[in-house]
Amino acid sequence: MTRLSRRLVVAAPLLAALPAHAQAWPNKPIKLVVPYAPGGSTDVIGRVIGEYLGQRLGQNIVIENRPGKGAMIGTQQVAKAAPDGYTLLMSVISGLSISPTLYGGGDFDPMADFIHVTLASRNPSVLVVHPNFAAKSFAEYVDHARANPGKLAFATSGAGSSNHLLGVRLQQLAKVNMIHVPYRGAGPAMQDTIAGNTPSMFDSLPSAAPHIRAGKVRALAVSGDERNPAFPDIPTMKESGYPDLISYSWFGISVPGKVPAPIVERLAREMQEVLKHPDVVKRWADMGAEASTMTPQEFGLFVKAEIDKWDPVVKASGAKPD
């Protein structure tokens, strides 16, 4: 018997032991649950991933927006979904690392109920204001808040988002009192900011980028450690006098906890290729997103570290669900 024949004999029982759906996967459209409303960073990045991952898998990726409760509604839906590889989660910092503490837990375990497949991007936040807003810089914005206690409002994609906590942290550091206006996603929050219904907004840079470029909102500062290459003229909050206001949101792909290993491995391989595709690399760069890839093992450790990091921050911040 040749070496190849021996390998086939050994492999055959292993393949036969796999569930039928794992052997044939995927043979029908796949649902990607985005736990925020259309138009925000999570939705934008999710749709790009859906397009290119669908091409590699040979199946349509259907986006299902399930906003609410700081991304916990959509996250919980995937935690309870059938572990057959046909329901994916656009996993986010809020739904897995912040909101479970903010809302007093949920009907899922961020680690035990998921397999975290890969990190897709890391993104700084940006403070934007309506073009007619008086403040022309981050320092002037803080001065305005200080001169108008309890009056200056800032919109976010929702309670429990990293942008919510960024606003809370600014109030603590600058000793100002502002009004948080949570929405069911960054898209509707941005529309109200553009319309002038809310004067300012903390948003992830990828979702705010087209509106900044179009002049519909004016960017005052980003929360990255350094200026973003896509927007080099926007100063950081750090260089504006607030070195402790360094904050990033992140986005990845996760699946229910009992999805068969061969499906997880296939998803991880294909996602690595998606994130290396020149068109995806360019779209990430144009949006100001920072590309990142991790193995399932690395991403699982990353998510656990983020939970451990944000749990005490949320508790110490005094942030409320609103």
Protein backbone atom coordinates (compact mmCIF):
# COMPACT_ATOMS: atom_id res chain seq x y z
CA MET A 1 0.00 0.00 0.00
CA THR A 2 1.38 3.42 -0.94
CA ARG A 3 1.80 6.23 1.59
CA LEU A 4 -1.08 8.13 -0.07
CA SER A 5 -3.34 5.07 0.15
CA ARG A 6 -2.56 4.65 3.84
CA ARG A 7 -3.46 8.33 4.45
CA LEU A 8 -6.79 7.91 2.66
CA VAL A 9 -7.62 4.80 4.70
CA VAL A 10 -6.89 6.69 7.94
CA ALA A 11 -8.80 9.82 6.83
CA ALA A 12 -11.94 8.02 5.62
CA PRO A 13 -13.37 7.12 9.05
CA LEU A 14 -12.60 10.63 10.34
CA LEU A 15 -14.57 12.20 7.50
CA ALA A 16 -17.41 9.74 7.94
CA ALA A 17 -17.65 10.68 11.61
CA LEU A 18 -18.35 14.33 10.80
CA PRO A 19 -21.99 15.46 10.86
CA ALA A 20 -23.51 15.55 7.38
CA HIS A 21 -24.03 19.31 7.54
CA ALA A 22 -20.33 19.81 8.38
CA GLN A 23 -19.22 17.70 5.40
CA ALA A 24 -21.46 19.60 2.97
CA TRP A 25 -21.16 23.06 4.54
CA PRO A 26 -22.16 25.47 3.19
CA ASN A 27 -24.98 24.34 0.91
CA LYS A 28 -27.43 27.20 1.54
CA PRO A 29 -27.31 30.95 2.35
CA ILE A 30 -25.69 32.00 5.62
CA LYS A 31 -27.08 34.64 8.00
CA LEU A 32 -24.75 37.25 9.47
CA VAL A 33 -26.41 38.95 12.45
CA VAL A 34 -25.33 42.58 12.89
CA PRO A 35 -26.36 43.72 16.39
CA TYR A 36 -26.79 47.36 15.38
CA ALA A 37 -29.02 49.29 12.97
CA PRO A 38 -28.00 49.87 9.32
CA GLY A 39 -25.57 52.66 8.56
CA GLY A 40 -23.08 52.38 11.43
CA SER A 41 -19.58 50.91 11.53
CA THR A 42 -20.77 47.44 12.53
CA ASP A 43 -23.19 47.34 9.62
CA VAL A 44 -20.74 48.81 7.09
CA ILE A 45 -17.94 46.41 8.03
CA GLY A 46 -20.37 43.49 8.26
CA ARG A 47 -21.63 44.09 4.72
CA VAL A 48 -18.10 44.23 3.31
CA ILE A 49 -17.23 40.97 5.05
CA GLY A 50 -20.51 39.42 3.92
CA GLU A 51 -19.83 40.30 0.29
CA TYR A 52 -16.31 38.87 0.13
CA LEU A 53 -16.84 35.92 2.48
CA GLY A 54 -19.89 34.92 0.43
CA GLN A 55 -17.77 34.91 -2.71
CA ARG A 56 -15.22 32.60 -1.12
CA LEU A 57 -17.84 30.23 0.32
CA GLY A 58 -19.98 30.20 -2.82
CA GLN A 59 -23.12 31.17 -0.89
CA ASN A 60 -25.00 34.40 -0.22
CA ILE A 61 -24.36 35.99 3.17
CA VAL A 62 -27.64 37.57 4.29
CA ILE A 63 -27.26 40.51 6.67
CA GLU A 64 -29.82 40.64 9.49
CA ASN A 65 -29.77 43.79 11.62
CA ARG A 66 -30.87 43.10 15.21
CA PRO A 67 -30.20 46.28 17.22
CA GLY A 68 -30.98 46.96 20.84
CA LYS A 69 -29.75 46.75 24.42
CA GLY A 70 -26.17 47.68 23.63
CA ALA A 71 -25.82 44.96 20.96
CA MET A 72 -27.01 42.28 23.39
CA ILE A 73 -30.21 41.42 21.50
CA GLY A 74 -28.40 40.36 18.34
CA THR A 75 -25.58 38.76 20.29
CA GLN A 76 -28.01 36.69 22.34
CA GLN A 77 -29.85 35.59 19.19
CA VAL A 78 -26.67 34.04 17.82
CA ALA A 79 -25.74 32.48 21.17
CA LYS A 80 -29.04 30.57 21.06
CA ALA A 81 -28.95 29.74 17.33
CA ALA A 82 -28.48 26.24 15.95
CA PRO A 83 -24.74 25.41 15.89
CA ASP A 84 -24.73 24.45 12.22
CA GLY A 85 -22.58 27.21 10.75
CA TYR A 86 -25.49 29.02 9.13
CA THR A 87 -25.75 31.81 11.72
CA LEU A 88 -22.76 34.08 12.26
CA LEU A 89 -22.35 37.07 14.57
CA MET A 90 -20.68 40.35 13.77
CA SER A 91 -19.17 40.40 17.24
CA VAL A 92 -18.45 43.76 18.83
CA ILE A 93 -16.86 45.16 21.97
CA SER A 94 -20.21 46.35 23.33
CA GLY A 95 -22.17 43.10 22.99
CA LEU A 96 -19.46 40.88 24.44
CA SER A 97 -17.31 43.03 26.71
CA ILE A 98 -19.32 46.04 27.95
CA SER A 99 -23.10 45.59 27.83
CA PRO A 100 -23.25 42.31 29.82
CA THR A 101 -21.85 44.25 32.80
CA LEU A 102 -23.81 47.45 32.09
CA TYR A 103 -27.13 45.66 31.81
CA GLY A 104 -26.47 43.26 34.66
CA GLY A 105 -25.73 40.21 32.54
CA GLY A 106 -27.70 38.54 29.77
CA ASP A 107 -29.09 35.19 28.80
CA PHE A 108 -25.74 34.08 27.40
CA ASP A 109 -22.11 33.63 28.40
CA PRO A 110 -19.75 35.69 26.17
CA MET A 111 -17.18 32.90 26.25
CA ALA A 112 -18.94 29.57 26.84
CA ASP A 113 -21.76 30.22 24.35
CA PHE A 114 -19.50 31.29 21.46
CA ILE A 115 -16.51 30.31 19.41
CA HIS A 116 -14.75 33.52 18.44
CA VAL A 117 -13.41 32.95 14.92
CA THR A 118 -11.34 36.04 14.09
CA LEU A 119 -10.87 39.74 14.72
CA ALA A 120 -11.61 41.76 11.58
CA SER A 121 -10.72 45.35 12.45
CA ARG A 122 -9.93 47.78 15.23
CA ASN A 123 -11.19 51.34 14.94
CA PRO A 124 -10.70 54.62 16.79
CA SER A 125 -13.68 56.78 17.69
CA VAL A 126 -14.21 60.33 16.52
CA LEU A 127 -16.07 63.28 18.03
CA VAL A 128 -18.12 65.05 15.38
CA VAL A 129 -20.36 68.11 15.63
CA HIS A 130 -22.96 69.73 13.42
CA PRO A 131 -21.22 72.16 11.01
CA ASN A 132 -22.91 75.12 12.71
CA PHE A 133 -21.70 74.18 16.19
CA ALA A 134 -19.64 76.98 17.73
CA ALA A 135 -16.67 74.92 18.95
CA LYS A 136 -13.90 74.59 16.36
CA SER A 137 -11.60 72.33 18.40
CA PHE A 138 -11.77 69.63 21.05
CA ALA A 139 -10.63 72.11 23.70
CA GLU A 140 -13.38 74.55 22.72
CA TYR A 141 -15.92 71.71 22.88
CA VAL A 142 -14.89 70.93 26.46
CA ASP A 143 -15.02 74.64 27.33
CA HIS A 144 -18.54 74.81 25.89
CA ALA A 145 -19.60 71.82 28.00
CA ARG A 146 -18.09 73.41 31.09
CA ALA A 147 -19.90 76.70 30.43
CA ASN A 148 -23.22 74.90 29.87
CA PRO A 149 -23.49 72.22 32.58
CA GLY A 150 -26.13 69.59 31.89
CA LYS A 151 -27.02 71.07 28.52
CA LEU A 152 -24.56 69.81 25.87
CA ALA A 153 -25.83 66.55 24.38
CA PHE A 154 -23.81 63.84 22.65
CA ALA A 155 -25.33 61.03 20.61
CA THR A 156 -23.98 57.47 20.40
CA SER A 157 -25.00 54.19 18.82
CA GLY A 158 -26.44 53.12 22.16
CA ALA A 159 -25.93 52.61 25.87
CA GLY A 160 -23.09 50.19 26.45
CA SER A 161 -21.17 51.12 23.32
CA SER A 162 -17.50 52.03 23.55
CA ASN A 163 -18.52 55.52 22.41
CA HIS A 164 -20.92 55.82 25.35
CA LEU A 165 -18.09 55.00 27.75
CA LEU A 166 -15.79 57.41 25.90
CA GLY A 167 -18.31 60.19 26.58
CA VAL A 168 -18.59 59.11 30.22
CA ARG A 169 -14.80 59.11 30.57
CA LEU A 170 -14.52 62.59 29.04
CA GLN A 171 -17.00 63.92 31.59
CA GLN A 172 -15.00 62.36 34.41
CA LEU A 173 -11.64 63.70 33.22
CA ALA A 174 -12.85 67.17 32.24
CA LYS A 175 -15.23 67.41 35.22
CA VAL A 176 -18.18 68.37 33.04
CA ASN A 177 -21.82 67.30 32.98
CA MET A 178 -23.24 66.35 29.58
CA ILE A 179 -26.36 64.60 28.29
CA HIS A 180 -26.03 61.17 26.68
CA VAL A 181 -28.53 60.50 23.88
CA PRO A 182 -28.45 56.76 23.01
CA TYR A 183 -29.80 55.46 19.70
CA ARG A 184 -30.42 51.98 18.31
CA GLY A 185 -27.34 52.20 16.12
CA ALA A 186 -24.87 54.72 14.74
CA GLY A 187 -26.86 55.27 11.53
CA PRO A 188 -29.89 56.95 13.13
CA ALA A 189 -27.67 58.78 15.62
CA MET A 190 -25.62 60.25 12.78
CA GLN A 191 -28.74 61.28 10.85
CA ASP A 192 -30.00 63.24 13.85
CA THR A 193 -26.59 64.88 14.26
CA ILE A 194 -26.51 65.85 10.59
CA ALA A 195 -30.04 67.25 10.94
CA GLY A 196 -28.99 69.28 13.97
CA ASN A 197 -31.29 67.47 16.38
CA THR A 198 -28.24 66.54 18.46
CA PRO A 199 -25.25 68.90 18.39
CA SER A 200 -22.50 66.27 18.72
CA MET A 201 -21.77 62.58 18.48
CA PHE A 202 -19.10 60.08 19.44
CA ASP A 203 -18.92 57.58 16.58
CA SER A 204 -16.56 54.94 15.23
CA LEU A 205 -14.43 56.48 12.51
CA PRO A 206 -15.46 54.05 9.72
CA SER A 207 -19.15 54.97 9.94
CA ALA A 208 -18.47 58.70 10.33
CA ALA A 209 -15.87 58.86 7.54
CA PRO A 210 -18.18 59.49 4.53
CA HIS A 211 -20.12 62.17 6.42
CA ILE A 212 -16.90 63.91 7.46
CA ARG A 213 -15.64 63.87 3.87
CA ALA A 214 -18.99 65.19 2.60
CA GLY A 215 -18.90 68.06 5.09
CA LYS A 216 -22.16 66.97 6.73
CA VAL A 217 -20.44 66.90 10.13
CA ARG A 218 -17.20 68.42 11.40
CA ALA A 219 -14.63 66.22 13.17
CA LEU A 220 -12.93 67.64 16.26
CA ALA A 221 -10.73 64.77 17.46
CA VAL A 222 -10.10 61.03 17.18
CA SER A 223 -9.51 58.66 20.10
CA GLY A 224 -6.57 56.75 18.64
CA ASP A 225 -3.08 56.74 20.06
CA GLU A 226 -1.93 58.53 16.88
CA ARG A 227 -3.59 60.46 14.07
CA ASN A 228 -5.38 58.23 11.61
CA PRO A 229 -3.67 57.94 8.18
CA ALA A 230 -7.03 58.35 6.41
CA PHE A 231 -7.67 61.65 8.23
CA PRO A 232 -4.26 63.12 9.11
CA ASP A 233 -5.70 66.59 9.73
CA ILE A 234 -7.90 65.45 12.64
CA PRO A 235 -5.97 65.75 15.93
CA THR A 236 -6.13 63.07 18.60
CA MET A 237 -7.81 63.61 21.95
CA LYS A 238 -4.46 62.66 23.43
CA GLU A 239 -2.66 65.58 21.78
CA SER A 240 -5.59 67.84 22.69
CA GLY A 241 -4.68 67.42 26.34
CA TYR A 242 -6.44 64.17 27.26
CA PRO A 243 -3.90 61.30 27.13
CA ASP A 244 -6.31 58.97 28.94
CA LEU A 245 -8.92 59.24 26.18
CA ILE A 246 -7.41 56.53 23.98
CA SER A 247 -10.19 54.20 22.90
CA TYR A 248 -10.83 51.67 20.15
CA SER A 249 -13.85 49.65 19.14
CA TRP A 250 -13.39 46.29 17.43
CA PHE A 251 -15.31 43.97 15.14
CA GLY A 252 -14.98 40.24 14.53
CA ILE A 253 -16.78 37.07 13.53
CA SER A 254 -18.14 34.66 16.14
CA VAL A 255 -20.39 31.59 15.95
CA PRO A 256 -22.48 29.56 18.44
CA GLY A 257 -20.35 27.57 20.85
CA LYS A 258 -20.99 24.07 19.49
CA VAL A 259 -20.36 24.68 15.79
CA PRO A 260 -18.26 21.72 14.51
CA ALA A 261 -14.52 22.31 14.37
CA PRO A 262 -14.22 21.74 10.59
CA ILE A 263 -16.70 24.57 9.95
CA VAL A 264 -14.87 26.89 12.35
CA GLU A 265 -11.56 26.06 10.70
CA ARG A 266 -12.99 26.69 7.22
CA LEU A 267 -14.49 30.02 8.33
CA ALA A 268 -11.19 31.06 9.90
CA ARG A 269 -9.23 30.21 6.75
CA GLU A 270 -11.64 32.02 4.46
CA MET A 271 -11.76 35.08 6.72
CA GLN A 272 -7.96 35.30 6.62
CA GLU A 273 -8.18 35.45 2.83
CA VAL A 274 -11.04 37.97 2.89
CA LEU A 275 -9.08 40.32 5.12
CA LYS A 276 -6.02 40.08 2.83
CA HIS A 277 -8.04 40.86 -0.33
CA PRO A 278 -6.69 44.11 -1.87
CA ASP A 279 -10.18 45.60 -2.19
CA VAL A 280 -10.96 44.92 1.48
CA VAL A 281 -7.58 46.29 2.57
CA LYS A 282 -8.28 49.47 0.60
CA ARG A 283 -11.81 49.85 1.94
CA TRP A 284 -10.57 49.44 5.51
CA ALA A 285 -7.89 52.09 4.90
CA ASP A 286 -10.34 54.52 3.27
CA MET A 287 -12.68 54.21 6.27
CA GLY A 288 -9.92 54.69 8.80
CA ALA A 289 -10.29 51.11 10.07
CA GLU A 290 -7.22 49.20 11.18
CA ALA A 291 -7.10 45.72 9.65
CA SER A 292 -6.42 42.83 11.99
CA THR A 293 -6.56 39.05 11.78
CA MET A 294 -6.40 36.43 14.52
CA THR A 295 -6.78 32.69 14.77
CA PRO A 296 -9.78 31.40 16.76
CA GLN A 297 -7.45 30.67 19.67
CA GLU A 298 -5.99 34.19 19.58
CA PHE A 299 -9.36 35.86 19.18
CA GLY A 300 -10.84 33.86 22.06
CA LEU A 301 -8.03 35.04 24.34
CA PHE A 302 -8.48 38.59 23.06
CA VAL A 303 -12.21 38.62 23.85
CA LYS A 304 -11.58 37.21 27.34
CA ALA A 305 -8.97 39.92 27.97
CA GLU A 306 -11.43 42.60 26.79
CA ILE A 307 -14.11 41.30 29.17
CA ASP A 308 -11.64 41.38 32.06
CA LYS A 309 -10.53 44.89 31.05
CA TRP A 310 -13.95 46.50 30.64
CA ASP A 311 -15.88 44.91 33.52
CA PRO A 312 -14.19 47.03 36.23
CA VAL A 313 -14.21 50.13 33.98
CA VAL A 314 -17.98 49.93 33.49
CA LYS A 315 -18.57 49.39 37.20
CA ALA A 316 -16.27 52.29 38.18
CA SER A 317 -17.68 54.65 35.53
CA GLY A 318 -21.18 54.73 36.98
CA ALA A 319 -22.53 54.46 33.42
CA LYS A 320 -26.23 53.60 33.19
CA PRO A 321 -28.21 51.79 30.47
CA ASP A 322 -30.26 55.02 29.91
